[in-house]
């Protein structure tokens, strides 16, 4: 399961944002299973979403969830 960076989580304060934040680890896991992705590094973030380094077969890629 992915770890949501603390500085990203700290930005999300209202109840709707917190619900979305709480759902992120499961959401990312679901997408990774669906598309056959493997985690390939620490989760990063932008202003409004997560960037998860993954591998697809032997290719590096990222999964962005926002």
C-alpha atoms as a PDB file:
ATOM      1  CA  UNK A   1       0.000   0.000   0.000  1.00  0.00           C
ATOM      2  CA  UNK A   2       1.223   3.510  -0.759  1.00  0.00           C
ATOM      3  CA  UNK A   3       2.130   6.106   1.828  1.00  0.00           C
ATOM      4  CA  UNK A   4       0.548   9.523   1.345  1.00  0.00           C
ATOM      5  CA  UNK A   5       3.188  12.217   1.965  1.00  0.00           C
ATOM      6  CA  UNK A   6       2.451  14.108   5.189  1.00  0.00           C
ATOM      7  CA  UNK A   7       2.966  17.555   3.645  1.00  0.00           C
ATOM      8  CA  UNK A   8       0.405  16.726   0.948  1.00  0.00           C
ATOM      9  CA  UNK A   9      -2.091  15.394   3.500  1.00  0.00           C
ATOM     10  CA  UNK A  10      -1.685  18.530   5.638  1.00  0.00           C
ATOM     11  CA  UNK A  11      -3.042  20.692   2.789  1.00  0.00           C
ATOM     12  CA  UNK A  12      -6.327  18.839   2.648  1.00  0.00           C
ATOM     13  CA  UNK A  13      -8.467  20.162   5.452  1.00  0.00           C
ATOM     14  CA  UNK A  14     -12.160  20.204   4.628  1.00  0.00           C
ATOM     15  CA  UNK A  15     -14.291  17.077   5.131  1.00  0.00           C
ATOM     16  CA  UNK A  16     -14.640  16.314   1.415  1.00  0.00           C
ATOM     17  CA  UNK A  17     -10.889  16.563   0.889  1.00  0.00           C
ATOM     18  CA  UNK A  18     -10.234  14.359   3.931  1.00  0.00           C
ATOM     19  CA  UNK A  19     -12.612  11.665   2.638  1.00  0.00           C
ATOM     20  CA  UNK A  20     -10.807  11.696  -0.715  1.00  0.00           C
ATOM     21  CA  UNK A  21      -7.448  11.557   1.052  1.00  0.00           C
ATOM     22  CA  UNK A  22      -8.563   8.605   3.173  1.00  0.00           C
ATOM     23  CA  UNK A  23      -9.643   6.744   0.024  1.00  0.00           C
ATOM     24  CA  UNK A  24      -6.368   7.288  -1.869  1.00  0.00           C
ATOM     25  CA  UNK A  25      -4.395   4.204  -0.776  1.00  0.00           C
ATOM     26  CA  UNK A  26      -7.232   1.855  -1.776  1.00  0.00           C
ATOM     27  CA  UNK A  27      -7.916   3.798  -4.982  1.00  0.00           C
ATOM     28  CA  UNK A  28      -4.263   3.567  -6.038  1.00  0.00           C
ATOM     29  CA  UNK A  29      -4.183  -0.154  -5.198  1.00  0.00           C
ATOM     30  CA  UNK A  30      -7.302  -0.728  -7.303  1.00  0.00           C
ATOM     31  CA  UNK A  31      -5.804   1.055 -10.323  1.00  0.00           C
ATOM     32  CA  UNK A  32      -2.517  -0.804  -9.914  1.00  0.00           C
ATOM     33  CA  UNK A  33      -4.308  -4.172  -9.890  1.00  0.00           C
ATOM     34  CA  UNK A  34      -6.537  -3.212 -12.817  1.00  0.00           C
ATOM     35  CA  UNK A  35      -3.626  -2.140 -15.020  1.00  0.00           C
ATOM     36  CA  UNK A  36      -0.999  -4.626 -13.812  1.00  0.00           C
ATOM     37  CA  UNK A  37       1.275  -1.966 -12.295  1.00  0.00           C
ATOM     38  CA  UNK A  38       3.995  -2.522  -9.701  1.00  0.00           C
ATOM     39  CA  UNK A  39       5.098   0.117  -7.212  1.00  0.00           C
ATOM     40  CA  UNK A  40       8.567   1.424  -8.083  1.00  0.00           C
ATOM     41  CA  UNK A  41       9.534   4.093  -5.558  1.00  0.00           C
ATOM     42  CA  UNK A  42       8.237   6.591  -3.055  1.00  0.00           C
ATOM     43  CA  UNK A  43       4.997   8.432  -3.701  1.00  0.00           C
ATOM     44  CA  UNK A  44       5.428  12.069  -4.698  1.00  0.00           C
ATOM     45  CA  UNK A  45       2.883  14.824  -5.122  1.00  0.00           C
ATOM     46  CA  UNK A  46       2.043  17.990  -6.920  1.00  0.00           C
ATOM     47  CA  UNK A  47      -0.311  20.659  -5.670  1.00  0.00           C
ATOM     48  CA  UNK A  48      -3.514  18.667  -6.135  1.00  0.00           C
ATOM     49  CA  UNK A  49      -2.591  15.046  -6.699  1.00  0.00           C
ATOM     50  CA  UNK A  50      -0.294  12.134  -6.064  1.00  0.00           C
ATOM     51  CA  UNK A  51       2.326  10.824  -8.450  1.00  0.00           C
ATOM     52  CA  UNK A  52       3.115   7.164  -7.886  1.00  0.00           C
ATOM     53  CA  UNK A  53       6.202   5.709  -9.613  1.00  0.00           C
ATOM     54  CA  UNK A  54       5.274   2.342 -11.112  1.00  0.00           C
ATOM     55  CA  UNK A  55       6.515  -0.259 -13.542  1.00  0.00           C
ATOM     56  CA  UNK A  56       4.561  -1.787 -16.383  1.00  0.00           C
ATOM     57  CA  UNK A  57       6.448  -4.908 -17.297  1.00  0.00           C
ATOM     58  CA  UNK A  58      10.009  -3.635 -17.625  1.00  0.00           C
ATOM     59  CA  UNK A  59       9.021  -0.023 -18.391  1.00  0.00           C
ATOM     60  CA  UNK A  60       9.043   2.818 -15.868  1.00  0.00           C
ATOM     61  CA  UNK A  61       5.878   4.907 -15.662  1.00  0.00           C
ATOM     62  CA  UNK A  62       3.865   6.988 -13.205  1.00  0.00           C
ATOM     63  CA  UNK A  63       0.292   6.820 -12.010  1.00  0.00           C
ATOM     64  CA  UNK A  64      -1.129  10.266 -11.297  1.00  0.00           C
ATOM     65  CA  UNK A  65      -4.227  10.480  -9.122  1.00  0.00           C
ATOM     66  CA  UNK A  66      -5.846  13.873  -8.628  1.00  0.00           C
END
